[in-house]
N, C-alpha and C. Protein backbone atom coordinates (compact mmCIF):
# COMPACT_ATOMS: atom_id res chain seq x y z
N MET A 1 43.22 -13.58 -33.32
CA MET A 1 43.30 -13.45 -31.90
C MET A 1 43.53 -11.97 -31.54
N LEU A 2 42.82 -11.52 -30.52
CA LEU A 2 42.91 -10.13 -30.10
C LEU A 2 44.11 -9.91 -29.21
N LYS A 3 44.80 -8.81 -29.44
CA LYS A 3 45.92 -8.46 -28.58
C LYS A 3 45.38 -7.73 -27.37
N ARG A 4 46.03 -7.97 -26.29
CA ARG A 4 45.65 -7.25 -25.08
C ARG A 4 46.20 -5.83 -25.14
N GLY A 5 45.50 -4.95 -24.49
CA GLY A 5 45.94 -3.56 -24.49
C GLY A 5 44.95 -2.72 -25.29
N ARG A 6 45.37 -1.55 -25.62
CA ARG A 6 44.50 -0.61 -26.31
C ARG A 6 44.44 -0.91 -27.80
N MET A 7 43.19 -1.03 -28.29
CA MET A 7 43.02 -1.31 -29.71
C MET A 7 42.61 -0.02 -30.41
N LYS A 8 43.21 0.23 -31.56
CA LYS A 8 42.83 1.38 -32.35
C LYS A 8 41.64 0.99 -33.21
N PRO A 9 40.65 1.86 -33.29
CA PRO A 9 39.52 1.53 -34.16
C PRO A 9 39.95 1.52 -35.62
N SER A 10 39.49 0.55 -36.33
CA SER A 10 39.85 0.47 -37.74
C SER A 10 38.96 1.41 -38.56
N ARG A 11 39.46 1.77 -39.75
CA ARG A 11 38.69 2.64 -40.63
C ARG A 11 37.40 1.97 -41.05
N GLU A 12 37.41 0.69 -41.18
CA GLU A 12 36.21 -0.02 -41.61
C GLU A 12 35.10 0.12 -40.58
N ARG A 13 35.48 0.11 -39.31
CA ARG A 13 34.46 0.25 -38.26
C ARG A 13 34.02 1.70 -38.10
N LEU A 14 34.86 2.66 -38.40
CA LEU A 14 34.50 4.06 -38.28
C LEU A 14 33.64 4.55 -39.43
N GLY A 15 33.65 3.88 -40.56
CA GLY A 15 32.89 4.30 -41.72
C GLY A 15 31.42 4.52 -41.42
N PRO A 16 30.71 3.51 -40.90
CA PRO A 16 29.28 3.70 -40.59
C PRO A 16 29.05 4.75 -39.50
N VAL A 17 29.96 4.83 -38.55
CA VAL A 17 29.81 5.81 -37.47
C VAL A 17 29.92 7.23 -38.05
N LYS A 18 30.92 7.46 -38.90
CA LYS A 18 31.07 8.78 -39.53
C LYS A 18 29.85 9.12 -40.37
N TYR A 19 29.34 8.15 -41.09
CA TYR A 19 28.17 8.36 -41.94
C TYR A 19 26.97 8.78 -41.10
N LEU A 20 26.73 8.03 -40.02
CA LEU A 20 25.60 8.36 -39.14
C LEU A 20 25.79 9.72 -38.47
N PHE A 21 27.02 10.01 -38.06
CA PHE A 21 27.30 11.28 -37.42
C PHE A 21 27.06 12.44 -38.38
N ARG A 22 27.50 12.29 -39.62
CA ARG A 22 27.29 13.33 -40.61
C ARG A 22 25.79 13.53 -40.89
N ARG A 23 25.04 12.45 -40.96
CA ARG A 23 23.58 12.56 -41.18
C ARG A 23 22.93 13.25 -39.99
N PHE A 24 23.37 12.93 -38.80
CA PHE A 24 22.83 13.56 -37.61
C PHE A 24 23.12 15.07 -37.63
N LEU A 25 24.35 15.44 -37.96
CA LEU A 25 24.69 16.86 -38.05
C LEU A 25 23.86 17.57 -39.11
N LEU A 26 23.66 16.92 -40.24
CA LEU A 26 22.82 17.49 -41.29
C LEU A 26 21.42 17.75 -40.76
N PHE A 27 20.87 16.80 -40.05
CA PHE A 27 19.53 16.95 -39.48
C PHE A 27 19.49 18.11 -38.49
N VAL A 28 20.45 18.16 -37.57
CA VAL A 28 20.44 19.19 -36.54
C VAL A 28 20.67 20.57 -37.13
N LEU A 29 21.60 20.69 -38.05
CA LEU A 29 21.95 22.01 -38.57
C LEU A 29 21.00 22.52 -39.65
N VAL A 30 20.39 21.62 -40.41
CA VAL A 30 19.55 22.05 -41.52
C VAL A 30 18.07 21.83 -41.26
N LEU A 31 17.69 20.65 -40.88
CA LEU A 31 16.27 20.33 -40.78
C LEU A 31 15.61 20.83 -39.49
N CYS A 32 16.30 20.79 -38.37
CA CYS A 32 15.69 21.25 -37.12
C CYS A 32 15.25 22.71 -37.18
N PRO A 33 16.10 23.64 -37.64
CA PRO A 33 15.64 25.03 -37.73
C PRO A 33 14.43 25.19 -38.65
N VAL A 34 14.38 24.41 -39.73
CA VAL A 34 13.23 24.49 -40.65
C VAL A 34 11.98 24.02 -39.94
N VAL A 35 12.06 22.91 -39.23
CA VAL A 35 10.90 22.38 -38.50
C VAL A 35 10.47 23.33 -37.41
N LEU A 36 11.42 23.85 -36.65
CA LEU A 36 11.07 24.78 -35.57
C LEU A 36 10.48 26.06 -36.12
N ARG A 37 10.99 26.55 -37.24
CA ARG A 37 10.44 27.78 -37.83
C ARG A 37 9.01 27.55 -38.28
N CYS A 38 8.73 26.40 -38.86
CA CYS A 38 7.36 26.10 -39.29
C CYS A 38 6.42 26.11 -38.11
N GLN A 39 6.89 25.58 -36.97
CA GLN A 39 6.03 25.55 -35.80
C GLN A 39 5.86 26.94 -35.21
N MET A 40 6.85 27.82 -35.39
CA MET A 40 6.79 29.15 -34.80
C MET A 40 6.13 30.18 -35.71
N GLU A 41 5.75 29.81 -36.92
CA GLU A 41 5.18 30.79 -37.83
C GLU A 41 3.83 31.32 -37.38
N ALA A 42 3.03 30.51 -36.71
CA ALA A 42 1.71 30.96 -36.26
C ALA A 42 1.39 30.36 -34.90
N THR A 43 0.83 31.18 -34.05
CA THR A 43 0.36 30.74 -32.73
C THR A 43 -1.12 31.02 -32.64
N THR A 44 -1.90 29.98 -32.41
CA THR A 44 -3.35 30.13 -32.30
C THR A 44 -3.71 30.73 -30.94
N LEU A 45 -4.67 31.65 -30.96
CA LEU A 45 -5.18 32.27 -29.74
C LEU A 45 -6.59 31.75 -29.47
N PHE A 46 -6.80 31.24 -28.27
CA PHE A 46 -8.08 30.65 -27.87
C PHE A 46 -8.76 31.52 -26.83
N ASN A 47 -10.10 31.46 -26.80
CA ASN A 47 -10.88 32.06 -25.72
C ASN A 47 -10.75 31.18 -24.48
N ALA A 48 -11.29 31.65 -23.37
CA ALA A 48 -11.27 30.87 -22.14
C ALA A 48 -12.04 29.56 -22.29
N ASP A 49 -13.06 29.53 -23.18
CA ASP A 49 -13.83 28.31 -23.38
C ASP A 49 -13.14 27.33 -24.33
N GLY A 50 -11.97 27.70 -24.85
CA GLY A 50 -11.20 26.81 -25.71
C GLY A 50 -11.47 26.96 -27.19
N SER A 51 -12.32 27.91 -27.58
CA SER A 51 -12.60 28.09 -29.00
C SER A 51 -11.52 28.98 -29.64
N PRO A 52 -10.98 28.54 -30.80
CA PRO A 52 -9.96 29.34 -31.46
C PRO A 52 -10.57 30.61 -32.05
N GLU A 53 -9.95 31.75 -31.80
CA GLU A 53 -10.49 33.04 -32.24
C GLU A 53 -9.61 33.74 -33.26
N ALA A 54 -8.31 33.67 -33.06
CA ALA A 54 -7.37 34.41 -33.90
C ALA A 54 -6.04 33.68 -33.89
N TYR A 55 -5.08 34.22 -34.62
CA TYR A 55 -3.73 33.65 -34.57
C TYR A 55 -2.71 34.75 -34.80
N ILE A 56 -1.53 34.54 -34.24
CA ILE A 56 -0.43 35.47 -34.42
C ILE A 56 0.48 34.89 -35.49
N SER A 57 0.72 35.66 -36.52
CA SER A 57 1.63 35.25 -37.59
C SER A 57 2.99 35.88 -37.33
N PHE A 58 3.99 35.03 -37.18
CA PHE A 58 5.34 35.51 -36.90
C PHE A 58 6.20 35.59 -38.16
N THR A 59 5.58 35.54 -39.35
CA THR A 59 6.36 35.55 -40.58
C THR A 59 6.68 36.95 -41.08
N GLU A 60 5.99 37.96 -40.62
CA GLU A 60 6.25 39.33 -41.04
C GLU A 60 7.34 39.94 -40.17
N ASP A 61 7.77 41.15 -40.53
CA ASP A 61 8.78 41.85 -39.73
C ASP A 61 8.26 42.08 -38.31
N ASN A 62 7.01 42.51 -38.22
CA ASN A 62 6.37 42.66 -36.91
C ASN A 62 5.29 41.61 -36.82
N PRO A 63 5.27 40.84 -35.74
CA PRO A 63 4.22 39.83 -35.61
C PRO A 63 2.84 40.47 -35.67
N THR A 64 1.94 39.85 -36.44
CA THR A 64 0.61 40.39 -36.69
C THR A 64 -0.45 39.41 -36.22
N ILE A 65 -1.53 39.93 -35.65
CA ILE A 65 -2.65 39.10 -35.20
C ILE A 65 -3.73 39.16 -36.27
N PHE A 66 -4.14 37.99 -36.74
CA PHE A 66 -5.18 37.85 -37.75
C PHE A 66 -6.38 37.11 -37.15
N MET A 67 -7.57 37.49 -37.59
CA MET A 67 -8.76 36.71 -37.28
C MET A 67 -8.78 35.52 -38.24
N TRP A 68 -9.62 34.52 -37.98
CA TRP A 68 -9.69 33.34 -38.86
C TRP A 68 -10.14 33.73 -40.26
N SER A 69 -10.84 34.85 -40.39
CA SER A 69 -11.29 35.31 -41.70
C SER A 69 -10.13 35.83 -42.55
N GLY A 70 -8.96 36.01 -41.94
CA GLY A 70 -7.80 36.54 -42.65
C GLY A 70 -7.60 38.02 -42.43
N LYS A 71 -8.51 38.65 -41.68
CA LYS A 71 -8.42 40.10 -41.44
C LYS A 71 -7.37 40.39 -40.37
N PRO A 72 -6.40 41.25 -40.69
CA PRO A 72 -5.43 41.66 -39.67
C PRO A 72 -6.07 42.66 -38.71
N VAL A 73 -5.93 42.42 -37.40
CA VAL A 73 -6.61 43.28 -36.43
C VAL A 73 -5.66 43.99 -35.47
N ALA A 74 -4.46 43.46 -35.30
CA ALA A 74 -3.53 44.06 -34.34
C ALA A 74 -2.12 43.58 -34.66
N TYR A 75 -1.16 44.19 -33.99
CA TYR A 75 0.23 43.74 -34.16
C TYR A 75 0.94 43.82 -32.82
N LEU A 76 2.07 43.16 -32.75
CA LEU A 76 2.86 43.10 -31.53
C LEU A 76 4.11 43.95 -31.69
N ALA A 77 4.47 44.66 -30.63
CA ALA A 77 5.72 45.44 -30.58
C ALA A 77 6.43 45.07 -29.28
N ARG A 78 7.71 44.86 -29.35
CA ARG A 78 8.47 44.46 -28.16
C ARG A 78 8.24 45.44 -27.01
N SER A 79 8.12 44.87 -25.82
CA SER A 79 7.91 45.65 -24.62
C SER A 79 9.21 45.73 -23.83
N VAL A 80 9.42 46.84 -23.16
CA VAL A 80 10.64 47.02 -22.37
C VAL A 80 10.70 46.00 -21.24
N GLY A 81 9.57 45.68 -20.64
CA GLY A 81 9.54 44.76 -19.51
C GLY A 81 9.50 43.30 -19.92
N GLY A 82 9.72 42.99 -21.19
CA GLY A 82 9.64 41.61 -21.67
C GLY A 82 8.28 41.35 -22.29
N GLY A 83 8.21 40.43 -23.20
CA GLY A 83 6.98 40.16 -23.91
C GLY A 83 6.73 41.21 -24.98
N PHE A 84 5.45 41.42 -25.29
CA PHE A 84 5.07 42.35 -26.35
C PHE A 84 3.92 43.24 -25.91
N ASN A 85 3.87 44.45 -26.46
CA ASN A 85 2.68 45.29 -26.38
C ASN A 85 1.80 44.91 -27.56
N VAL A 86 0.49 44.93 -27.38
CA VAL A 86 -0.46 44.64 -28.45
C VAL A 86 -1.10 45.97 -28.85
N TYR A 87 -0.98 46.31 -30.14
CA TYR A 87 -1.53 47.56 -30.67
C TYR A 87 -2.50 47.26 -31.79
N GLY A 88 -3.60 48.03 -31.83
CA GLY A 88 -4.47 48.03 -32.99
C GLY A 88 -3.80 48.85 -34.08
N PHE A 89 -4.22 48.66 -35.32
CA PHE A 89 -3.62 49.42 -36.41
C PHE A 89 -3.98 50.90 -36.33
N ASN A 90 -4.95 51.24 -35.47
CA ASN A 90 -5.29 52.64 -35.24
C ASN A 90 -4.35 53.30 -34.23
N GLY A 91 -3.37 52.54 -33.73
CA GLY A 91 -2.39 53.08 -32.79
C GLY A 91 -2.75 52.91 -31.33
N LYS A 92 -3.96 52.42 -31.05
CA LYS A 92 -4.40 52.24 -29.66
C LYS A 92 -3.70 51.04 -29.02
N HIS A 93 -3.26 51.23 -27.79
CA HIS A 93 -2.66 50.13 -27.03
C HIS A 93 -3.80 49.26 -26.51
N LEU A 94 -3.78 47.98 -26.85
CA LEU A 94 -4.85 47.07 -26.44
C LEU A 94 -4.49 46.29 -25.18
N GLY A 95 -3.25 45.90 -25.05
CA GLY A 95 -2.84 45.09 -23.90
C GLY A 95 -1.43 44.56 -24.10
N TRP A 96 -1.16 43.41 -23.49
CA TRP A 96 0.17 42.82 -23.53
C TRP A 96 0.07 41.35 -23.90
N TYR A 97 1.07 40.87 -24.64
CA TYR A 97 1.20 39.44 -24.93
C TYR A 97 2.42 38.95 -24.17
N VAL A 98 2.17 38.23 -23.09
CA VAL A 98 3.23 37.74 -22.22
C VAL A 98 2.94 36.29 -21.87
N ASN A 99 3.94 35.45 -22.02
CA ASN A 99 3.84 34.03 -21.66
C ASN A 99 2.64 33.34 -22.29
N GLY A 100 2.35 33.66 -23.54
CA GLY A 100 1.29 32.96 -24.27
C GLY A 100 -0.10 33.51 -24.06
N SER A 101 -0.27 34.59 -23.29
CA SER A 101 -1.59 35.17 -23.06
C SER A 101 -1.62 36.63 -23.47
N ILE A 102 -2.76 37.05 -24.04
CA ILE A 102 -3.00 38.47 -24.26
C ILE A 102 -3.78 38.98 -23.06
N ARG A 103 -3.22 40.00 -22.42
CA ARG A 103 -3.81 40.56 -21.19
C ARG A 103 -4.38 41.94 -21.47
N SER A 104 -5.53 42.21 -20.87
CA SER A 104 -6.16 43.52 -21.01
C SER A 104 -5.49 44.52 -20.06
N HIS A 105 -5.93 45.76 -20.11
CA HIS A 105 -5.39 46.78 -19.20
C HIS A 105 -5.73 46.49 -17.75
N ASP A 106 -6.71 45.64 -17.51
CA ASP A 106 -7.05 45.23 -16.14
C ASP A 106 -6.13 44.12 -15.64
N GLY A 107 -5.36 43.50 -16.54
CA GLY A 107 -4.46 42.41 -16.16
C GLY A 107 -5.07 41.03 -16.35
N ASN A 108 -6.33 40.98 -16.81
CA ASN A 108 -6.99 39.69 -17.02
C ASN A 108 -6.64 39.12 -18.39
N PRO A 109 -6.45 37.81 -18.48
CA PRO A 109 -6.23 37.23 -19.81
C PRO A 109 -7.51 37.30 -20.64
N VAL A 110 -7.36 37.68 -21.90
CA VAL A 110 -8.49 37.76 -22.82
C VAL A 110 -8.46 36.56 -23.76
N CYS A 111 -7.29 36.20 -24.21
CA CYS A 111 -7.11 35.00 -25.03
C CYS A 111 -5.68 34.52 -24.85
N GLY A 112 -5.46 33.29 -25.23
CA GLY A 112 -4.13 32.75 -25.02
C GLY A 112 -3.82 31.59 -25.93
N ALA A 113 -2.55 31.25 -25.98
CA ALA A 113 -2.09 30.10 -26.75
C ALA A 113 -2.53 28.82 -26.04
N TYR A 114 -2.33 27.71 -26.71
CA TYR A 114 -2.75 26.40 -26.19
C TYR A 114 -2.27 26.17 -24.76
N THR A 115 -1.01 26.49 -24.49
CA THR A 115 -0.45 26.23 -23.16
C THR A 115 -1.13 27.07 -22.08
N ALA A 116 -1.62 28.25 -22.44
CA ALA A 116 -2.28 29.12 -21.46
C ALA A 116 -3.74 28.73 -21.24
N VAL A 117 -4.38 28.19 -22.27
CA VAL A 117 -5.82 27.90 -22.19
C VAL A 117 -6.10 26.49 -21.65
N ARG A 118 -5.22 25.56 -21.91
CA ARG A 118 -5.50 24.16 -21.54
C ARG A 118 -5.71 23.98 -20.04
N VAL A 119 -5.26 24.94 -19.24
CA VAL A 119 -5.49 24.87 -17.81
C VAL A 119 -6.96 25.14 -17.50
N VAL A 120 -7.59 26.00 -18.29
CA VAL A 120 -8.97 26.41 -18.05
C VAL A 120 -9.95 25.45 -18.72
N SER A 121 -9.70 25.13 -19.98
CA SER A 121 -10.59 24.24 -20.73
C SER A 121 -9.81 23.55 -21.83
N LEU A 122 -10.40 22.51 -22.38
CA LEU A 122 -9.76 21.77 -23.46
C LEU A 122 -9.93 22.54 -24.77
N PRO A 123 -8.83 22.95 -25.40
CA PRO A 123 -8.96 23.69 -26.66
C PRO A 123 -9.64 22.86 -27.74
N GLN A 124 -10.50 23.52 -28.52
CA GLN A 124 -11.23 22.87 -29.61
C GLN A 124 -10.37 22.84 -30.86
N PRO A 125 -10.71 21.96 -31.82
CA PRO A 125 -9.93 21.91 -33.06
C PRO A 125 -9.98 23.24 -33.81
N GLU A 126 -8.89 23.52 -34.50
CA GLU A 126 -8.81 24.77 -35.26
C GLU A 126 -9.45 24.61 -36.62
N PRO A 127 -10.29 25.57 -37.03
CA PRO A 127 -10.83 25.52 -38.39
C PRO A 127 -9.74 25.93 -39.39
N PRO A 128 -9.94 25.66 -40.67
CA PRO A 128 -8.94 26.11 -41.65
C PRO A 128 -8.87 27.64 -41.70
N LYS A 129 -7.68 28.16 -41.90
CA LYS A 129 -7.49 29.61 -41.96
C LYS A 129 -7.80 30.11 -43.37
N SER A 130 -8.40 31.29 -43.45
CA SER A 130 -8.63 31.94 -44.73
C SER A 130 -7.34 32.63 -45.18
N LEU A 131 -7.31 33.04 -46.42
CA LEU A 131 -6.15 33.78 -46.93
C LEU A 131 -6.00 35.08 -46.16
N LYS A 132 -4.76 35.46 -45.89
CA LYS A 132 -4.50 36.71 -45.17
C LYS A 132 -4.81 37.90 -46.07
N GLN A 133 -5.50 38.87 -45.50
CA GLN A 133 -5.76 40.13 -46.19
C GLN A 133 -4.54 41.04 -46.02
N PRO A 134 -4.39 42.03 -46.88
CA PRO A 134 -3.24 42.94 -46.74
C PRO A 134 -3.24 43.64 -45.39
N ILE A 135 -2.06 43.86 -44.88
CA ILE A 135 -1.90 44.53 -43.59
C ILE A 135 -2.05 46.03 -43.79
N PRO A 136 -2.94 46.68 -43.02
CA PRO A 136 -3.12 48.13 -43.18
C PRO A 136 -1.92 48.91 -42.65
N LEU A 137 -1.87 50.18 -43.01
CA LEU A 137 -0.82 51.05 -42.47
C LEU A 137 -1.04 51.25 -40.98
N LYS A 138 0.04 51.37 -40.27
CA LYS A 138 -0.04 51.56 -38.82
C LYS A 138 -0.08 53.04 -38.50
N SER A 139 -0.97 53.40 -37.58
CA SER A 139 -1.00 54.78 -37.07
C SER A 139 0.07 54.92 -36.00
N PHE A 140 0.32 56.17 -35.59
CA PHE A 140 1.27 56.39 -34.52
C PHE A 140 0.80 55.67 -33.27
N LYS A 141 1.73 55.02 -32.58
CA LYS A 141 1.39 54.27 -31.37
C LYS A 141 1.25 55.22 -30.19
N GLU A 142 0.19 54.97 -29.40
CA GLU A 142 0.10 55.70 -28.15
C GLU A 142 1.04 55.04 -27.14
N LEU A 143 1.40 55.77 -26.11
CA LEU A 143 2.27 55.21 -25.09
C LEU A 143 1.56 54.08 -24.37
N ALA A 144 2.31 53.03 -24.11
CA ALA A 144 1.73 51.91 -23.37
C ALA A 144 1.61 52.29 -21.90
N PRO A 145 0.48 52.00 -21.29
CA PRO A 145 0.36 52.26 -19.85
C PRO A 145 1.24 51.30 -19.07
N SER A 146 1.45 51.60 -17.80
CA SER A 146 2.23 50.67 -16.98
C SER A 146 1.42 49.38 -16.80
N ARG A 147 2.11 48.30 -16.73
CA ARG A 147 1.45 47.00 -16.60
C ARG A 147 0.80 46.85 -15.23
N PRO A 148 -0.42 46.34 -15.22
CA PRO A 148 -1.04 46.03 -13.93
C PRO A 148 -0.53 44.68 -13.43
N LEU A 149 -0.93 44.31 -12.25
CA LEU A 149 -0.65 42.95 -11.79
C LEU A 149 -1.49 42.00 -12.63
N PHE A 150 -0.87 40.97 -13.15
CA PHE A 150 -1.60 40.01 -13.96
C PHE A 150 -2.41 39.09 -13.06
N ARG A 151 -3.67 38.88 -13.45
CA ARG A 151 -4.60 38.05 -12.67
C ARG A 151 -4.82 36.72 -13.37
N ARG A 152 -5.40 35.79 -12.63
CA ARG A 152 -5.74 34.49 -13.21
C ARG A 152 -7.15 34.46 -13.77
N GLN A 153 -8.01 35.31 -13.25
CA GLN A 153 -9.41 35.35 -13.69
C GLN A 153 -9.51 35.84 -15.12
N TRP A 154 -10.13 35.04 -15.99
CA TRP A 154 -10.25 35.42 -17.40
C TRP A 154 -11.24 36.56 -17.56
N SER A 155 -10.98 37.41 -18.53
CA SER A 155 -11.86 38.53 -18.85
C SER A 155 -13.18 38.01 -19.40
N SER A 156 -14.24 38.76 -19.20
CA SER A 156 -15.54 38.39 -19.77
C SER A 156 -15.63 38.79 -21.24
N THR A 157 -14.71 39.63 -21.71
CA THR A 157 -14.69 40.05 -23.12
C THR A 157 -14.09 38.93 -23.96
N GLN A 158 -14.76 38.58 -25.04
CA GLN A 158 -14.25 37.56 -25.95
C GLN A 158 -13.04 38.11 -26.71
N CYS A 159 -12.14 37.22 -27.07
CA CYS A 159 -10.91 37.59 -27.76
C CYS A 159 -11.19 38.37 -29.05
N GLY A 160 -12.10 37.87 -29.87
CA GLY A 160 -12.40 38.54 -31.13
C GLY A 160 -12.93 39.94 -30.94
N MET A 161 -13.79 40.13 -29.95
CA MET A 161 -14.34 41.44 -29.64
C MET A 161 -13.24 42.37 -29.12
N PHE A 162 -12.38 41.84 -28.29
CA PHE A 162 -11.28 42.62 -27.71
C PHE A 162 -10.35 43.14 -28.80
N LEU A 163 -10.03 42.29 -29.77
CA LEU A 163 -9.09 42.67 -30.82
C LEU A 163 -9.71 43.54 -31.91
N SER A 164 -11.04 43.52 -32.02
CA SER A 164 -11.69 44.28 -33.08
C SER A 164 -11.93 45.73 -32.66
N GLU A 165 -12.38 46.53 -33.59
CA GLU A 165 -12.61 47.95 -33.34
C GLU A 165 -13.76 48.19 -32.37
N GLU A 166 -14.70 47.26 -32.27
CA GLU A 166 -15.88 47.48 -31.42
C GLU A 166 -15.59 47.25 -29.94
N ALA A 167 -14.39 46.80 -29.62
CA ALA A 167 -14.09 46.45 -28.23
C ALA A 167 -14.17 47.68 -27.32
N PRO A 168 -14.80 47.52 -26.17
CA PRO A 168 -14.81 48.63 -25.20
C PRO A 168 -13.40 48.85 -24.66
N ARG A 169 -13.00 50.10 -24.52
CA ARG A 169 -11.65 50.42 -24.05
C ARG A 169 -11.73 51.07 -22.67
N ASP A 170 -10.65 50.90 -21.93
CA ASP A 170 -10.56 51.55 -20.63
C ASP A 170 -10.44 53.04 -20.86
N SER A 171 -11.00 53.82 -19.98
CA SER A 171 -10.80 55.27 -20.07
C SER A 171 -9.62 55.63 -19.19
N ASP A 172 -8.53 55.98 -19.83
CA ASP A 172 -7.29 56.28 -19.09
C ASP A 172 -7.24 57.72 -18.66
């Protein structure tokens, strides 16, 4: 028969609760960071038409942009105004990576992550990535120009062309 009033939980009833709580803590403290890190290691960059063009690898000291062929074409450097500056390995400032989009000097998005592109078109499946080629030495960085107003209209330049050496550059 149960006594009226406040009942103290017995050790027998707390055993399974402690076990589940400890397992939950193990999951949160150990497994969640591993899962989140795996998801953050690479961000795919899509064109406005939804085709995957390149990806940003966050596993190096400085995040690096690779083409699907494995060729490193650019890297990211923290920007004072938030986000990142995008530089070619030749030291040229290419644009900005802010809120999942790479923006040109005109302020137009050139390529973007899934969340940035899905508004424009349905992203296509990603092909398998090739092995990463060695990262070249970085030249001295030129000063980043002031940011323009960011526009919604996508650039006519394809992401791969923009990130490669053949891309037309603004004359500053």
